[in-house]
Amino acid sequence: MPITLPETLPAFDVLNREGVMVMTPERAARQDIRPLRFALLNLMPKKIQTENQFARLIGATPLQIDLHLIRMSEHQTRNTAAEHMETFYRPFDEVEASGEKFDGLIITGAPIEHLPFEEVTYWEELTRVFNWTQSHVHSTFGVCWGGMAMINHFHGVKKYMLDHKAFGCFRHRNLCPTSPYLRGFSDDFVIPVSRWTEMKQAEIDMRPGLRTLLGSDEVGPCLVEDAGHRALYIFNHFEYDSDTLKQEYDRDVAQGTPINVPMNYYPEDDPSRPPLNRWRSHAHLLYGNWVNEVYQTTPFRVEDIGA
């Protein structure tokens, strides 16, 4: 089954060209099954790129998904056209006031990890989002800074600054092969990492109800399940395109920002050569497994979510 997107959203054409099944809301309304209602709270500056990345992953399953785009109510982006934001995004205040519910919600990262959580300008509203998920969302997926913020809010797990940026493709281990979220996963694999902060495994282990599913000897915990809050937290970037790390590296080089060549990314660590994507299959496995688990466990009646 396809993912439902407005025909004018850039992701519609991008995914259609890639062979991902997409359909318009008008066509979806004529289907006999209930589509899953998913939302993307997009905190990244490059909104369109992030939309494409996550829509690609959740749209590659056999299930019909109706995707909604949400933004912080007061925060104004400077990197995406105002017309795009006005056309496709709804402020969280409006979504909250409507009382509508969602089967799944993705909360993205944000390039503000150097700030203490409480100093983020929209932190108060974001904590409202976290609390709102407990009554209005069946399953939430917090990504990178979004996952760190959510695990901090619900469990008090702290984030720590690294003395150098964790940047590149790092090997990770499958710590829980029987988890439904890791169905089909290899014992080890690589994941793109791009962050200046970390969560410590020892602190996660001290919190009841948290279970680490993926981890790395080099860059620490990666994927944490929080069954009590119906949430997953991932601190790295399965959703990245093949050239996303390259874009970040080229940007920093052009700006004169000190940055290491991303580890294990370019063939023979040579930035003049095209990078190889070695995480795509596991990205689809993880998000496909999550969508399937949502489908298997969410109430048939949307209004019963969170009841």
Protein backbone atom coordinates (compact mmCIF):
# COMPACT_ATOMS: atom_id res chain seq x y z
CA MET A 1 0.00 0.00 0.00
CA PRO A 2 1.19 3.56 -0.65
CA ILE A 3 1.84 6.57 1.51
CA THR A 4 -0.65 9.44 1.15
CA LEU A 5 0.90 12.84 0.37
CA PRO A 6 -0.37 16.07 -1.19
CA GLU A 7 0.46 15.95 -4.89
CA THR A 8 2.18 19.34 -4.66
CA LEU A 9 4.53 18.32 -1.82
CA PRO A 10 8.06 17.89 -3.26
CA ALA A 11 8.33 14.43 -1.68
CA PHE A 12 5.44 13.22 -3.86
CA ASP A 13 7.48 13.50 -7.07
CA VAL A 14 10.75 12.46 -5.44
CA LEU A 15 9.31 9.21 -4.06
CA ASN A 16 7.26 8.53 -7.16
CA ARG A 17 10.41 8.68 -9.32
CA GLU A 18 12.13 6.27 -6.91
CA GLY A 19 9.37 3.71 -7.27
CA VAL A 20 7.80 4.27 -3.82
CA MET A 21 4.02 3.98 -4.04
CA VAL A 22 2.36 7.32 -3.31
CA MET A 23 -1.25 8.41 -3.66
CA THR A 24 -3.23 11.61 -3.31
CA PRO A 25 -5.62 12.14 -0.36
CA GLU A 26 -8.52 12.08 -2.85
CA ARG A 27 -7.59 8.61 -4.05
CA ALA A 28 -6.91 7.41 -0.49
CA ALA A 29 -10.42 8.46 0.56
CA ARG A 30 -11.84 5.86 -1.84
CA GLN A 31 -9.92 2.98 -0.21
CA ASP A 32 -11.84 0.48 1.92
CA ILE A 33 -9.21 0.18 4.68
CA ARG A 34 -8.29 2.67 7.37
CA PRO A 35 -4.97 4.34 6.58
CA LEU A 36 -2.53 4.74 9.44
CA ARG A 37 -2.26 8.35 10.57
CA PHE A 38 1.39 9.35 11.00
CA ALA A 39 2.83 12.77 11.78
CA LEU A 40 6.30 14.25 11.39
CA LEU A 41 7.31 16.98 13.84
CA ASN A 42 10.11 18.46 11.76
CA LEU A 43 12.72 20.38 13.77
CA MET A 44 15.46 20.25 11.12
CA PRO A 45 16.41 23.40 9.18
CA LYS A 46 16.26 21.67 5.77
CA LYS A 47 12.59 20.73 6.02
CA ILE A 48 12.12 19.35 2.50
CA GLN A 49 15.18 17.10 2.66
CA THR A 50 14.00 15.71 6.01
CA GLU A 51 10.45 15.17 4.71
CA ASN A 52 11.82 13.15 1.80
CA GLN A 53 14.04 11.03 4.04
CA PHE A 54 11.35 9.95 6.48
CA ALA A 55 8.56 9.68 3.91
CA ARG A 56 10.80 7.36 1.90
CA LEU A 57 11.23 5.00 4.85
CA ILE A 58 7.70 4.84 6.19
CA GLY A 59 6.25 4.83 2.66
CA ALA A 60 8.10 1.67 1.64
CA THR A 61 5.84 -0.70 3.60
CA PRO A 62 2.72 -2.54 2.31
CA LEU A 63 0.50 -0.31 4.49
CA GLN A 64 -1.33 2.87 3.57
CA ILE A 65 -0.07 5.84 5.58
CA ASP A 66 -1.56 9.31 5.77
CA LEU A 67 1.34 11.65 6.61
CA HIS A 68 0.83 14.98 8.39
CA LEU A 69 3.56 17.63 8.83
CA ILE A 70 3.82 19.58 12.10
CA ARG A 71 6.03 22.47 13.21
CA MET A 72 6.64 24.31 16.45
CA SER A 73 4.03 27.05 16.79
CA GLU A 74 6.22 30.10 17.43
CA HIS A 75 9.56 29.06 15.95
CA GLN A 76 10.08 30.38 12.43
CA THR A 77 12.47 28.56 10.08
CA ARG A 78 14.95 30.56 7.99
CA ASN A 79 16.00 27.72 5.70
CA THR A 80 12.70 26.71 4.07
CA ALA A 81 10.40 28.92 2.02
CA ALA A 82 7.54 30.45 3.97
CA GLU A 83 5.15 29.36 1.21
CA HIS A 84 6.14 25.72 1.72
CA MET A 85 5.64 25.97 5.47
CA GLU A 86 2.29 27.70 5.09
CA THR A 87 1.05 25.17 2.53
CA PHE A 88 2.10 21.90 4.13
CA TYR A 89 2.73 22.44 7.85
CA ARG A 90 0.41 22.97 10.77
CA PRO A 91 1.58 24.49 14.07
CA PHE A 92 1.41 22.16 17.05
CA ASP A 93 -0.98 24.54 18.85
CA GLU A 94 -3.52 23.94 16.09
CA VAL A 95 -3.04 20.16 16.12
CA GLU A 96 -3.33 20.05 19.91
CA ALA A 97 -6.51 22.16 19.90
CA SER A 98 -8.12 19.93 17.26
CA GLY A 99 -7.98 16.88 19.54
CA GLU A 100 -6.98 14.62 16.65
CA LYS A 101 -4.94 11.50 17.27
CA PHE A 102 -2.17 9.67 15.43
CA ASP A 103 -0.98 6.11 15.15
CA GLY A 104 2.65 7.19 14.85
CA LEU A 105 4.74 10.33 15.36
CA ILE A 106 8.36 11.01 14.38
CA ILE A 107 10.16 13.82 16.22
CA THR A 108 13.31 14.76 14.32
CA GLY A 109 16.65 16.02 15.52
CA ALA A 110 17.68 19.67 15.58
CA PRO A 111 21.08 21.40 15.26
CA ILE A 112 20.95 22.79 18.82
CA GLU A 113 22.64 20.02 20.79
CA HIS A 114 25.19 22.46 22.27
CA LEU A 115 22.37 24.12 24.24
CA PRO A 116 21.01 22.79 27.54
CA PHE A 117 17.51 21.50 26.90
CA GLU A 118 15.90 24.22 29.03
CA GLU A 119 17.59 26.97 26.98
CA VAL A 120 16.01 25.90 23.69
CA THR A 121 13.53 28.61 22.74
CA TYR A 122 10.67 26.16 22.13
CA TRP A 123 11.48 23.75 24.99
CA GLU A 124 8.28 24.48 26.93
CA GLU A 125 6.13 23.74 23.88
CA LEU A 126 8.16 20.64 23.06
CA THR A 127 7.58 19.21 26.54
CA ARG A 128 3.87 19.76 25.89
CA VAL A 129 4.29 17.69 22.74
CA PHE A 130 5.96 14.90 24.74
CA ASN A 131 3.13 14.86 27.29
CA TRP A 132 0.49 15.09 24.54
CA THR A 133 1.86 11.92 22.90
CA GLN A 134 0.79 9.91 25.92
CA SER A 135 -2.88 10.51 25.19
CA HIS A 136 -2.92 11.28 21.46
CA VAL A 137 -0.22 9.11 19.81
CA HIS A 138 0.02 5.32 19.81
CA SER A 139 3.80 5.15 19.16
CA THR A 140 6.45 7.89 19.03
CA PHE A 141 9.90 7.71 17.40
CA GLY A 142 12.37 10.33 18.68
CA VAL A 143 15.39 10.79 16.39
CA CYS A 144 18.86 12.09 17.39
CA TRP A 145 18.35 15.31 19.42
CA GLY A 146 14.59 14.63 19.43
CA GLY A 147 15.20 11.23 21.03
CA MET A 148 17.68 12.66 23.52
CA ALA A 149 15.21 15.38 24.51
CA MET A 150 12.38 12.89 24.95
CA ILE A 151 14.37 10.40 27.07
CA ASN A 152 15.58 13.32 29.17
CA HIS A 153 12.04 14.59 29.71
CA PHE A 154 10.54 11.24 30.72
CA HIS A 155 13.53 9.65 32.49
CA GLY A 156 16.03 12.39 33.33
CA VAL A 157 18.81 10.82 31.27
CA LYS A 158 21.41 13.53 30.63
CA LYS A 159 23.28 14.35 27.45
CA TYR A 160 27.03 14.94 27.57
CA MET A 161 29.25 16.96 25.26
CA LEU A 162 31.92 14.99 23.40
CA ASP A 163 35.47 16.32 23.09
CA HIS A 164 35.22 15.75 19.33
CA LYS A 165 32.34 15.20 16.95
CA ALA A 166 31.18 11.62 16.40
CA PHE A 167 31.07 11.82 12.62
CA GLY A 168 30.94 9.02 10.08
CA CYS A 169 29.63 5.48 9.72
CA PHE A 170 30.17 3.40 12.86
CA ARG A 171 29.67 -0.31 13.47
CA HIS A 172 26.79 -1.19 15.78
CA ARG A 173 25.67 -4.42 17.41
CA ASN A 174 22.22 -5.98 17.55
CA LEU A 175 21.71 -6.29 21.32
CA CYS A 176 18.19 -7.73 21.23
CA PRO A 177 17.67 -10.03 18.20
CA THR A 178 14.21 -11.11 19.40
CA SER A 179 12.81 -7.57 19.38
CA PRO A 180 10.07 -7.11 16.77
CA TYR A 181 11.70 -3.82 15.83
CA LEU A 182 14.89 -5.65 14.78
CA ARG A 183 13.30 -8.40 12.73
CA GLY A 184 15.69 -9.26 9.89
CA PHE A 185 18.64 -7.31 11.36
CA SER A 186 22.20 -8.56 11.03
CA ASP A 187 24.32 -9.08 14.12
CA ASP A 188 26.36 -5.98 13.26
CA PHE A 189 26.07 -3.20 10.68
CA VAL A 190 26.95 0.48 10.15
CA ILE A 191 24.87 3.57 10.91
CA PRO A 192 25.63 7.21 10.04
CA VAL A 193 26.45 9.27 13.14
CA SER A 194 26.72 13.06 13.30
CA ARG A 195 26.62 14.57 16.80
CA TRP A 196 28.59 16.42 19.44
CA THR A 197 26.75 14.79 22.36
CA GLU A 198 26.06 11.35 23.77
CA MET A 199 23.86 9.50 26.23
CA LYS A 200 25.64 7.15 28.62
CA GLN A 201 24.61 3.50 28.70
CA ALA A 202 25.12 3.28 32.47
CA GLU A 203 22.47 5.98 33.05
CA ILE A 204 20.04 4.29 30.68
CA ASP A 205 20.56 0.97 32.49
CA MET A 206 19.61 2.65 35.79
CA ARG A 207 16.18 3.69 34.50
CA PRO A 208 13.46 1.03 34.85
CA GLY A 209 11.53 0.35 31.67
CA LEU A 210 14.28 1.27 29.22
CA ARG A 211 15.93 -1.34 27.01
CA THR A 212 18.81 -0.68 24.63
CA LEU A 213 18.30 -2.51 21.33
CA LEU A 214 21.29 -1.26 19.31
CA GLY A 215 24.66 -0.05 20.54
CA SER A 216 28.25 0.62 19.55
CA ASP A 217 31.54 0.16 21.37
CA GLU A 218 32.75 3.39 19.74
CA VAL A 219 29.77 5.76 19.99
CA GLY A 220 27.59 4.22 22.70
CA PRO A 221 23.86 3.45 22.83
CA CYS A 222 21.89 3.98 19.64
CA LEU A 223 18.32 2.66 19.81
CA VAL A 224 16.40 2.53 23.09
CA GLU A 225 12.90 1.14 23.63
CA ASP A 226 10.65 2.83 26.18
CA ALA A 227 7.63 0.54 26.34
CA GLY A 228 5.98 2.45 29.18
CA HIS A 229 5.77 5.59 27.05
CA ARG A 230 5.18 3.68 23.79
CA ALA A 231 8.34 5.21 22.34
CA LEU A 232 11.62 4.48 20.59
CA TYR A 233 14.65 6.76 20.83
CA ILE A 234 17.40 6.59 18.21
CA PHE A 235 20.46 8.80 18.57
CA ASN A 236 21.92 8.22 15.08
CA HIS A 237 20.72 8.63 11.51
CA PHE A 238 19.43 5.63 9.58
CA GLU A 239 17.31 8.09 7.56
CA TYR A 240 20.32 9.88 6.02
CA ASP A 241 20.71 9.92 2.25
CA SER A 242 23.93 8.62 0.71
CA ASP A 243 25.37 12.15 0.49
CA THR A 244 24.06 13.72 3.72
CA LEU A 245 27.34 13.31 5.62
CA LYS A 246 29.15 14.62 2.53
CA GLN A 247 26.94 17.72 2.53
CA GLU A 248 27.74 18.33 6.20
CA TYR A 249 31.48 17.80 5.62
CA ASP A 250 31.60 20.04 2.54
CA ARG A 251 29.66 22.76 4.39
CA ASP A 252 32.10 22.78 7.31
CA VAL A 253 35.13 22.77 5.01
CA ALA A 254 33.70 25.69 3.02
CA GLN A 255 33.03 27.64 6.24
CA GLY A 256 36.49 26.91 7.63
CA THR A 257 35.02 24.93 10.55
CA PRO A 258 37.46 22.31 11.88
CA ILE A 259 36.06 18.90 10.95
CA ASN A 260 37.48 15.43 10.44
CA VAL A 261 36.77 13.41 7.32
CA PRO A 262 33.74 11.26 8.26
CA MET A 263 34.99 7.86 9.38
CA ASN A 264 34.38 4.75 7.27
CA TYR A 265 32.29 6.73 4.78
CA TYR A 266 34.33 7.50 1.67
CA PRO A 267 36.15 4.65 -0.11
CA GLU A 268 39.66 4.59 1.40
CA ASP A 269 38.67 7.76 3.32
CA ASP A 270 39.10 9.80 0.14
CA PRO A 271 36.61 12.72 0.01
CA SER A 272 37.14 13.05 -3.74
CA ARG A 273 35.39 9.70 -4.27
CA PRO A 274 31.60 9.16 -4.08
CA PRO A 275 30.53 7.76 -0.69
CA LEU A 276 28.96 4.32 -0.44
CA ASN A 277 25.60 3.73 1.25
CA ARG A 278 25.97 0.71 3.56
CA TRP A 279 22.97 1.33 5.83
CA ARG A 280 19.99 1.62 3.46
CA SER A 281 18.69 -1.94 3.94
CA HIS A 282 18.74 -1.72 7.74
CA ALA A 283 17.07 1.69 7.61
CA HIS A 284 14.15 0.18 5.72
CA LEU A 285 14.07 -2.80 8.07
CA LEU A 286 13.87 -0.65 11.21
CA TYR A 287 11.22 1.78 10.02
CA GLY A 288 9.28 -0.97 8.27
CA ASN A 289 9.28 -3.03 11.46
CA TRP A 290 8.13 0.00 13.44
CA VAL A 291 5.27 0.73 11.03
CA ASN A 292 4.24 -2.94 11.13
CA GLU A 293 4.31 -3.00 14.93
CA VAL A 294 2.16 0.14 15.01
CA TYR A 295 -0.28 -1.50 12.59
CA GLN A 296 -0.43 -4.68 14.68
CA THR A 297 -1.08 -2.91 17.99
CA THR A 298 -2.91 0.36 17.32
CA PRO A 299 -6.68 0.51 18.00
CA PHE A 300 -8.90 0.12 14.96
CA ARG A 301 -10.80 3.26 15.98
CA VAL A 302 -8.46 6.26 15.87
CA GLU A 303 -10.40 7.92 18.69
CA ASP A 304 -9.48 5.01 21.01
CA ILE A 305 -5.75 5.84 20.83
CA GLY A 306 -4.44 6.76 24.26
CA ALA A 307 -7.66 5.70 25.99
